[in-house]
């Protein structure tokens, strides 16, 4: 099996796993969860920064932020560095909603591990996060990209 074959199997398996976890356990719409997660990881941001980070159009992110504001999950405040922009930040309700969403997915994965894997498979699974972190480490030098992209994995 070549590295490209491994990459394709990995891409398919991870995609299927993420889709299944979302289908079984997401408590928030994906667009809401993604915006809340970015704010949690990176702190308050403008709509433009959120849109750029998610690679979506400003208008789409503006709509998502509007929905989150109306739900009380984020707040808007004037940006101290740009009088035309607003900073979007998580509210306590937003933190709670995000944690509930993450907790539901974590619980689904934990239950799947408990009910579907042997003790040996659970031990093997312990190495996977570290391996995936090494594969996704952006501080490593990148190889020239080919048709499949710089990671060697096919695009989304």
N, C-alpha and C. Protein backbone atom coordinates (compact mmCIF):
# COMPACT_ATOMS: atom_id res chain seq x y z
N UNK A 1 0.85 -1.18 0.00
CA UNK A 1 0.00 0.00 0.00
C UNK A 1 0.90 1.24 0.00
N UNK A 2 0.64 2.19 -0.88
CA UNK A 2 1.45 3.39 -0.98
C UNK A 2 1.00 4.43 0.05
N UNK A 3 1.83 5.46 0.24
CA UNK A 3 1.46 6.57 1.13
C UNK A 3 0.19 7.25 0.62
N UNK A 4 0.03 7.35 -0.69
CA UNK A 4 -1.19 7.94 -1.24
C UNK A 4 -2.41 7.09 -0.92
N UNK A 5 -2.27 5.76 -0.98
CA UNK A 5 -3.37 4.87 -0.63
C UNK A 5 -3.74 5.05 0.85
N UNK A 6 -2.73 5.10 1.70
CA UNK A 6 -2.96 5.32 3.14
C UNK A 6 -3.65 6.67 3.34
N UNK A 7 -3.16 7.70 2.65
CA UNK A 7 -3.75 9.03 2.78
C UNK A 7 -5.22 9.03 2.39
N UNK A 8 -5.55 8.36 1.31
CA UNK A 8 -6.94 8.32 0.86
C UNK A 8 -7.83 7.57 1.85
N UNK A 9 -7.36 6.45 2.35
CA UNK A 9 -8.14 5.70 3.34
C UNK A 9 -8.34 6.52 4.61
N UNK A 10 -7.28 7.21 5.03
CA UNK A 10 -7.35 8.05 6.21
C UNK A 10 -8.34 9.20 5.99
N UNK A 11 -8.27 9.86 4.85
CA UNK A 11 -9.17 10.97 4.52
C UNK A 11 -10.62 10.49 4.56
N UNK A 12 -10.89 9.35 3.95
CA UNK A 12 -12.25 8.81 3.93
C UNK A 12 -12.73 8.44 5.33
N UNK A 13 -11.88 7.77 6.09
CA UNK A 13 -12.26 7.33 7.43
C UNK A 13 -12.50 8.50 8.37
N UNK A 14 -11.63 9.49 8.34
CA UNK A 14 -11.80 10.66 9.20
C UNK A 14 -13.06 11.41 8.81
N UNK A 15 -13.28 11.58 7.52
CA UNK A 15 -14.49 12.25 7.06
C UNK A 15 -15.75 11.53 7.51
N UNK A 16 -15.77 10.21 7.36
CA UNK A 16 -16.93 9.41 7.77
C UNK A 16 -17.14 9.51 9.28
N UNK A 17 -16.05 9.46 10.04
CA UNK A 17 -16.12 9.55 11.50
C UNK A 17 -16.67 10.90 11.94
N UNK A 18 -16.18 11.98 11.35
CA UNK A 18 -16.65 13.32 11.70
C UNK A 18 -18.13 13.47 11.33
N UNK A 19 -18.50 13.03 10.15
CA UNK A 19 -19.92 13.12 9.74
C UNK A 19 -20.82 12.33 10.69
N UNK A 20 -20.39 11.15 11.09
CA UNK A 20 -21.19 10.32 11.98
C UNK A 20 -21.30 10.98 13.37
N UNK A 21 -20.21 11.48 13.89
CA UNK A 21 -20.26 12.15 15.19
C UNK A 21 -21.19 13.36 15.15
N UNK A 22 -21.11 14.12 14.06
CA UNK A 22 -22.01 15.28 13.94
C UNK A 22 -23.47 14.84 13.84
N UNK A 23 -23.72 13.82 13.06
CA UNK A 23 -25.11 13.36 12.87
C UNK A 23 -25.69 12.79 14.16
N UNK A 24 -24.87 12.14 14.95
CA UNK A 24 -25.35 11.49 16.17
C UNK A 24 -25.41 12.42 17.37
N UNK A 25 -24.54 13.43 17.41
CA UNK A 25 -24.39 14.13 18.67
C UNK A 25 -24.39 15.65 18.60
N UNK A 26 -24.36 16.26 17.45
CA UNK A 26 -24.32 17.72 17.43
C UNK A 26 -25.59 18.30 18.01
N UNK A 27 -25.42 19.29 18.86
CA UNK A 27 -26.57 19.98 19.44
C UNK A 27 -26.73 21.36 18.84
N UNK A 28 -25.73 21.80 18.08
CA UNK A 28 -25.75 23.11 17.42
C UNK A 28 -25.62 22.92 15.91
N UNK A 29 -26.20 23.81 15.12
CA UNK A 29 -25.91 23.76 13.68
C UNK A 29 -24.40 23.92 13.46
N UNK A 30 -23.88 23.27 12.45
CA UNK A 30 -22.43 23.26 12.21
C UNK A 30 -21.87 24.67 12.07
N UNK A 31 -22.56 25.56 11.39
CA UNK A 31 -22.05 26.93 11.22
C UNK A 31 -21.95 27.64 12.56
N UNK A 32 -22.92 27.40 13.44
CA UNK A 32 -22.87 28.02 14.77
C UNK A 32 -21.72 27.44 15.59
N UNK A 33 -21.59 26.13 15.57
CA UNK A 33 -20.53 25.46 16.33
C UNK A 33 -19.15 25.92 15.86
N UNK A 34 -18.98 26.07 14.55
CA UNK A 34 -17.68 26.48 14.02
C UNK A 34 -17.33 27.90 14.47
N UNK A 35 -18.30 28.81 14.41
CA UNK A 35 -18.04 30.19 14.82
C UNK A 35 -17.77 30.26 16.32
N UNK A 36 -18.58 29.57 17.11
CA UNK A 36 -18.37 29.57 18.56
C UNK A 36 -17.02 28.95 18.92
N UNK A 37 -16.67 27.87 18.23
CA UNK A 37 -15.38 27.22 18.48
C UNK A 37 -14.21 28.14 18.16
N UNK A 38 -14.30 28.88 17.07
CA UNK A 38 -13.23 29.83 16.72
C UNK A 38 -13.10 30.91 17.77
N UNK A 39 -14.23 31.42 18.25
CA UNK A 39 -14.18 32.46 19.29
C UNK A 39 -13.62 31.89 20.59
N UNK A 40 -13.94 30.66 20.88
CA UNK A 40 -13.41 30.03 22.09
C UNK A 40 -11.89 29.83 22.00
N UNK A 41 -11.42 29.38 20.85
CA UNK A 41 -9.99 29.11 20.68
C UNK A 41 -9.16 30.38 20.53
N UNK A 42 -9.70 31.36 19.80
CA UNK A 42 -8.89 32.53 19.41
C UNK A 42 -9.32 33.83 20.05
N UNK A 43 -10.39 33.83 20.80
CA UNK A 43 -10.86 35.05 21.46
C UNK A 43 -11.72 35.89 20.53
N UNK A 44 -12.11 37.06 21.04
CA UNK A 44 -12.99 37.96 20.30
C UNK A 44 -12.38 38.32 18.95
N UNK A 45 -13.25 38.39 17.93
CA UNK A 45 -12.80 38.69 16.57
C UNK A 45 -13.87 39.52 15.87
N UNK A 46 -13.46 40.13 14.77
CA UNK A 46 -14.43 40.80 13.91
C UNK A 46 -15.09 39.76 13.02
N UNK A 47 -16.18 40.17 12.39
CA UNK A 47 -16.84 39.27 11.45
C UNK A 47 -15.89 38.93 10.31
N UNK A 48 -15.12 39.91 9.85
CA UNK A 48 -14.15 39.66 8.76
C UNK A 48 -13.13 38.61 9.17
N UNK A 49 -12.64 38.69 10.40
CA UNK A 49 -11.66 37.70 10.87
C UNK A 49 -12.29 36.31 10.97
N UNK A 50 -13.51 36.27 11.50
CA UNK A 50 -14.20 34.97 11.59
C UNK A 50 -14.42 34.38 10.20
N UNK A 51 -14.85 35.21 9.27
CA UNK A 51 -15.10 34.73 7.90
C UNK A 51 -13.82 34.22 7.26
N UNK A 52 -12.74 34.96 7.41
CA UNK A 52 -11.46 34.54 6.83
C UNK A 52 -10.99 33.23 7.45
N UNK A 53 -11.14 33.09 8.76
CA UNK A 53 -10.71 31.88 9.45
C UNK A 53 -11.49 30.65 9.04
N UNK A 54 -12.75 30.83 8.64
CA UNK A 54 -13.59 29.72 8.21
C UNK A 54 -13.65 29.61 6.69
N UNK A 55 -13.00 30.53 5.99
CA UNK A 55 -12.99 30.55 4.52
C UNK A 55 -14.42 30.63 3.97
N UNK A 56 -15.20 31.54 4.56
CA UNK A 56 -16.56 31.77 4.07
C UNK A 56 -16.70 33.26 3.74
N UNK A 57 -17.75 33.59 3.02
CA UNK A 57 -17.99 34.98 2.67
C UNK A 57 -18.41 35.78 3.90
N UNK A 58 -18.04 37.06 3.88
CA UNK A 58 -18.38 37.96 4.97
C UNK A 58 -19.88 37.94 5.23
N UNK A 59 -20.69 37.95 4.15
CA UNK A 59 -22.15 37.97 4.30
C UNK A 59 -22.65 36.72 5.03
N UNK A 60 -22.07 35.57 4.71
CA UNK A 60 -22.47 34.33 5.38
C UNK A 60 -22.16 34.39 6.87
N UNK A 61 -20.95 34.86 7.19
CA UNK A 61 -20.57 34.93 8.60
C UNK A 61 -21.40 35.98 9.32
N UNK A 62 -21.72 37.07 8.63
CA UNK A 62 -22.55 38.11 9.23
C UNK A 62 -23.92 37.54 9.60
N UNK A 63 -24.48 36.72 8.73
CA UNK A 63 -25.76 36.08 8.99
C UNK A 63 -25.65 35.14 10.20
N UNK A 64 -24.58 34.34 10.22
CA UNK A 64 -24.38 33.41 11.34
C UNK A 64 -24.24 34.17 12.65
N UNK A 65 -23.44 35.22 12.64
CA UNK A 65 -23.24 36.02 13.85
C UNK A 65 -24.57 36.65 14.29
N UNK A 66 -25.35 37.13 13.35
CA UNK A 66 -26.66 37.69 13.68
C UNK A 66 -27.54 36.67 14.39
N UNK A 67 -27.52 35.44 13.90
CA UNK A 67 -28.29 34.37 14.53
C UNK A 67 -27.77 34.10 15.95
N UNK A 68 -26.45 34.07 16.09
CA UNK A 68 -25.85 33.81 17.40
C UNK A 68 -26.15 34.93 18.39
N UNK A 69 -26.14 36.18 17.90
CA UNK A 69 -26.50 37.32 18.75
C UNK A 69 -27.95 37.18 19.22
N UNK A 70 -28.84 36.86 18.29
CA UNK A 70 -30.27 36.75 18.64
C UNK A 70 -30.52 35.60 19.63
N UNK A 71 -29.68 34.59 19.61
CA UNK A 71 -29.78 33.48 20.56
C UNK A 71 -29.09 33.77 21.89
N UNK A 72 -28.37 34.90 21.95
CA UNK A 72 -27.66 35.26 23.16
C UNK A 72 -26.36 34.51 23.37
N UNK A 73 -25.83 33.90 22.30
CA UNK A 73 -24.61 33.09 22.42
C UNK A 73 -23.34 33.90 22.19
N UNK A 74 -23.45 35.04 21.52
CA UNK A 74 -22.32 35.95 21.34
C UNK A 74 -22.80 37.38 21.56
N UNK A 75 -21.84 38.25 21.81
CA UNK A 75 -22.16 39.67 21.95
C UNK A 75 -21.34 40.45 20.94
N UNK A 76 -21.81 41.65 20.63
CA UNK A 76 -21.12 42.57 19.73
C UNK A 76 -20.72 43.79 20.52
N UNK A 77 -19.48 44.24 20.30
CA UNK A 77 -19.04 45.50 20.90
C UNK A 77 -18.15 46.21 19.90
N UNK A 78 -18.08 47.53 20.02
CA UNK A 78 -17.28 48.32 19.10
C UNK A 78 -15.81 47.90 19.19
N UNK A 79 -15.18 47.79 18.04
CA UNK A 79 -13.76 47.44 17.98
C UNK A 79 -12.94 48.66 18.38
N UNK A 80 -12.02 48.51 19.32
CA UNK A 80 -11.20 49.65 19.72
C UNK A 80 -10.21 50.09 18.63
N UNK A 81 -9.89 49.20 17.69
CA UNK A 81 -8.91 49.52 16.66
C UNK A 81 -9.55 49.96 15.34
N UNK A 82 -10.85 49.70 15.15
CA UNK A 82 -11.52 50.05 13.90
C UNK A 82 -12.94 50.48 14.22
N UNK A 83 -13.20 51.76 14.12
CA UNK A 83 -14.50 52.31 14.47
C UNK A 83 -15.64 51.77 13.62
N UNK A 84 -15.34 51.17 12.47
CA UNK A 84 -16.38 50.63 11.60
C UNK A 84 -16.72 49.19 11.92
N UNK A 85 -15.89 48.54 12.71
CA UNK A 85 -16.05 47.10 12.95
C UNK A 85 -16.55 46.83 14.37
N UNK A 86 -17.07 45.64 14.54
CA UNK A 86 -17.52 45.17 15.85
C UNK A 86 -16.72 43.93 16.21
N UNK A 87 -16.41 43.80 17.51
CA UNK A 87 -15.80 42.58 18.00
C UNK A 87 -16.91 41.65 18.45
N UNK A 88 -16.78 40.41 18.06
CA UNK A 88 -17.74 39.38 18.42
C UNK A 88 -17.08 38.51 19.50
N UNK A 89 -17.78 38.31 20.60
CA UNK A 89 -17.23 37.53 21.71
C UNK A 89 -18.28 36.56 22.24
N UNK A 90 -17.81 35.46 22.79
CA UNK A 90 -18.71 34.49 23.42
C UNK A 90 -19.35 35.10 24.66
N UNK A 91 -20.59 34.78 24.88
CA UNK A 91 -21.26 35.10 26.14
C UNK A 91 -21.19 33.86 27.02
N UNK A 92 -21.52 33.98 28.29
CA UNK A 92 -21.57 32.77 29.12
C UNK A 92 -22.51 31.71 28.55
N UNK A 93 -23.63 32.14 27.97
CA UNK A 93 -24.55 31.18 27.34
C UNK A 93 -23.89 30.51 26.13
N UNK A 94 -23.06 31.25 25.40
CA UNK A 94 -22.33 30.69 24.26
C UNK A 94 -21.33 29.64 24.70
N UNK A 95 -20.62 29.93 25.78
CA UNK A 95 -19.66 28.96 26.33
C UNK A 95 -20.40 27.70 26.75
N UNK A 96 -21.54 27.88 27.40
CA UNK A 96 -22.33 26.73 27.85
C UNK A 96 -22.84 25.90 26.67
N UNK A 97 -23.34 26.57 25.64
CA UNK A 97 -23.85 25.86 24.45
C UNK A 97 -22.72 25.11 23.75
N UNK A 98 -21.56 25.73 23.64
CA UNK A 98 -20.42 25.09 22.99
C UNK A 98 -19.97 23.88 23.80
N UNK A 99 -19.90 24.01 25.10
CA UNK A 99 -19.50 22.88 25.94
C UNK A 99 -20.52 21.74 25.87
N UNK A 100 -21.80 22.08 25.80
CA UNK A 100 -22.83 21.04 25.66
C UNK A 100 -22.66 20.30 24.34
N UNK A 101 -22.36 21.05 23.27
CA UNK A 101 -22.16 20.44 21.96
C UNK A 101 -20.93 19.52 21.97
N UNK A 102 -19.84 20.03 22.51
CA UNK A 102 -18.62 19.23 22.59
C UNK A 102 -18.83 18.01 23.48
N UNK A 103 -19.54 18.22 24.59
CA UNK A 103 -19.80 17.12 25.52
C UNK A 103 -20.63 16.01 24.88
N UNK A 104 -21.61 16.40 24.07
CA UNK A 104 -22.45 15.40 23.40
C UNK A 104 -21.62 14.56 22.43
N UNK A 105 -20.73 15.23 21.68
CA UNK A 105 -19.87 14.49 20.75
C UNK A 105 -18.88 13.61 21.52
N UNK A 106 -18.30 14.17 22.58
CA UNK A 106 -17.36 13.40 23.40
C UNK A 106 -18.04 12.16 23.97
N UNK A 107 -19.27 12.31 24.45
CA UNK A 107 -20.01 11.19 25.01
C UNK A 107 -20.31 10.13 23.96
N UNK A 108 -20.69 10.58 22.74
CA UNK A 108 -20.97 9.62 21.68
C UNK A 108 -19.71 8.83 21.33
N UNK A 109 -18.58 9.53 21.22
CA UNK A 109 -17.32 8.85 20.88
C UNK A 109 -16.93 7.90 22.01
N UNK A 110 -17.04 8.33 23.25
CA UNK A 110 -16.69 7.47 24.38
C UNK A 110 -17.55 6.21 24.41
N UNK A 111 -18.84 6.38 24.16
CA UNK A 111 -19.73 5.22 24.14
C UNK A 111 -19.37 4.27 23.00
N UNK A 112 -19.05 4.83 21.84
CA UNK A 112 -18.65 3.99 20.71
C UNK A 112 -17.36 3.23 21.03
N UNK A 113 -16.41 3.89 21.66
CA UNK A 113 -15.15 3.23 22.04
C UNK A 113 -15.45 2.09 23.00
N UNK A 114 -16.27 2.36 24.00
CA UNK A 114 -16.59 1.36 25.03
C UNK A 114 -17.31 0.15 24.45
N UNK A 115 -18.26 0.40 23.55
CA UNK A 115 -19.11 -0.69 23.08
C UNK A 115 -18.61 -1.40 21.84
N UNK A 116 -17.70 -0.76 21.09
CA UNK A 116 -17.31 -1.36 19.80
C UNK A 116 -15.85 -1.81 19.73
N UNK A 117 -15.03 -1.40 20.68
CA UNK A 117 -13.60 -1.72 20.58
C UNK A 117 -13.16 -2.65 21.70
N UNK A 118 -12.21 -3.50 21.34
CA UNK A 118 -11.60 -4.39 22.34
C UNK A 118 -10.59 -3.58 23.15
N UNK A 119 -10.11 -4.18 24.22
CA UNK A 119 -9.09 -3.52 25.05
C UNK A 119 -7.84 -3.23 24.22
N UNK A 120 -7.43 -4.16 23.37
CA UNK A 120 -6.26 -3.94 22.52
C UNK A 120 -6.49 -2.79 21.55
N UNK A 121 -7.70 -2.71 20.97
CA UNK A 121 -8.01 -1.62 20.04
C UNK A 121 -8.03 -0.27 20.77
N UNK A 122 -8.53 -0.26 22.01
CA UNK A 122 -8.53 0.99 22.79
C UNK A 122 -7.10 1.44 23.07
N UNK A 123 -6.21 0.50 23.37
CA UNK A 123 -4.80 0.84 23.60
C UNK A 123 -4.18 1.41 22.32
N UNK A 124 -4.48 0.80 21.17
CA UNK A 124 -3.97 1.32 19.89
C UNK A 124 -4.50 2.72 19.63
N UNK A 125 -5.75 2.94 19.95
CA UNK A 125 -6.38 4.23 19.72
C UNK A 125 -5.72 5.36 20.51
N UNK A 126 -5.09 5.02 21.62
CA UNK A 126 -4.39 6.03 22.43
C UNK A 126 -3.31 6.76 21.63
N UNK A 127 -2.70 6.09 20.65
CA UNK A 127 -1.63 6.70 19.86
C UNK A 127 -2.15 7.61 18.75
N UNK A 128 -3.40 7.45 18.37
CA UNK A 128 -3.93 8.17 17.20
C UNK A 128 -3.89 9.69 17.36
N UNK A 129 -4.34 10.27 18.48
CA UNK A 129 -4.30 11.74 18.57
C UNK A 129 -2.89 12.31 18.37
N UNK A 130 -1.89 11.69 18.98
CA UNK A 130 -0.52 12.19 18.81
C UNK A 130 -0.07 12.08 17.35
N UNK A 131 -0.39 10.99 16.71
CA UNK A 131 -0.01 10.80 15.31
C UNK A 131 -0.70 11.84 14.43
N UNK A 132 -2.00 12.05 14.63
CA UNK A 132 -2.71 13.06 13.84
C UNK A 132 -2.18 14.46 14.12
N UNK A 133 -1.85 14.75 15.37
CA UNK A 133 -1.27 16.05 15.69
C UNK A 133 0.05 16.25 14.95
N UNK A 134 0.87 15.21 14.89
CA UNK A 134 2.14 15.33 14.15
C UNK A 134 1.90 15.54 12.67
N UNK A 135 0.91 14.85 12.10
CA UNK A 135 0.59 15.01 10.69
C UNK A 135 0.10 16.42 10.39
N UNK A 136 -0.62 17.02 11.34
CA UNK A 136 -1.20 18.34 11.09
C UNK A 136 -0.34 19.47 11.63
N UNK A 137 0.83 19.19 12.15
CA UNK A 137 1.70 20.22 12.70
C UNK A 137 2.16 21.17 11.60
N UNK A 138 1.67 22.40 11.66
CA UNK A 138 1.97 23.37 10.60
C UNK A 138 3.36 23.97 10.75
N UNK A 139 4.06 23.69 11.84
CA UNK A 139 5.39 24.28 12.00
C UNK A 139 6.47 23.50 11.25
N UNK A 140 6.11 22.33 10.76
CA UNK A 140 7.07 21.54 9.99
C UNK A 140 7.19 22.10 8.58
N UNK A 141 8.37 21.98 7.97
CA UNK A 141 8.52 22.46 6.59
C UNK A 141 7.55 21.71 5.67
N UNK A 142 7.00 22.44 4.74
CA UNK A 142 6.05 21.84 3.80
C UNK A 142 6.77 21.44 2.54
N UNK A 143 6.31 20.33 1.99
CA UNK A 143 6.82 19.87 0.70
C UNK A 143 6.12 20.66 -0.39
N UNK A 144 6.71 20.71 -1.56
CA UNK A 144 6.00 21.35 -2.68
C UNK A 144 4.68 20.64 -2.90
N UNK A 145 3.65 21.42 -3.19
CA UNK A 145 2.33 20.80 -3.34
C UNK A 145 2.14 20.29 -4.76
N UNK A 146 1.46 19.17 -4.82
CA UNK A 146 1.09 18.59 -6.11
C UNK A 146 -0.37 18.84 -6.34
N UNK A 147 -0.98 18.07 -7.23
CA UNK A 147 -2.39 18.29 -7.55
C UNK A 147 -3.31 18.03 -6.36
N UNK A 148 -2.85 17.27 -5.38
CA UNK A 148 -3.74 16.96 -4.25
C UNK A 148 -3.56 17.93 -3.10
N UNK A 149 -2.65 18.88 -3.18
CA UNK A 149 -2.47 19.86 -2.12
C UNK A 149 -1.20 19.58 -1.35
N UNK A 150 -0.81 20.52 -0.46
CA UNK A 150 0.47 20.41 0.23
C UNK A 150 0.54 19.25 1.20
N UNK A 151 -0.58 18.77 1.70
CA UNK A 151 -0.52 17.69 2.67
C UNK A 151 -0.43 16.32 2.02
N UNK A 152 -0.65 16.25 0.72
CA UNK A 152 -0.71 14.96 0.07
C UNK A 152 -2.08 14.34 0.13
N UNK A 153 -2.95 14.93 0.97
CA UNK A 153 -4.32 14.44 1.09
C UNK A 153 -5.19 15.17 0.09
N UNK A 154 -6.11 14.48 -0.52
CA UNK A 154 -7.02 15.17 -1.45
C UNK A 154 -7.78 16.26 -0.72
N UNK A 155 -8.15 17.29 -1.44
CA UNK A 155 -8.88 18.41 -0.86
C UNK A 155 -10.24 17.98 -0.34
N UNK A 156 -10.97 18.93 0.29
CA UNK A 156 -12.25 18.61 0.92
C UNK A 156 -13.27 18.08 -0.05
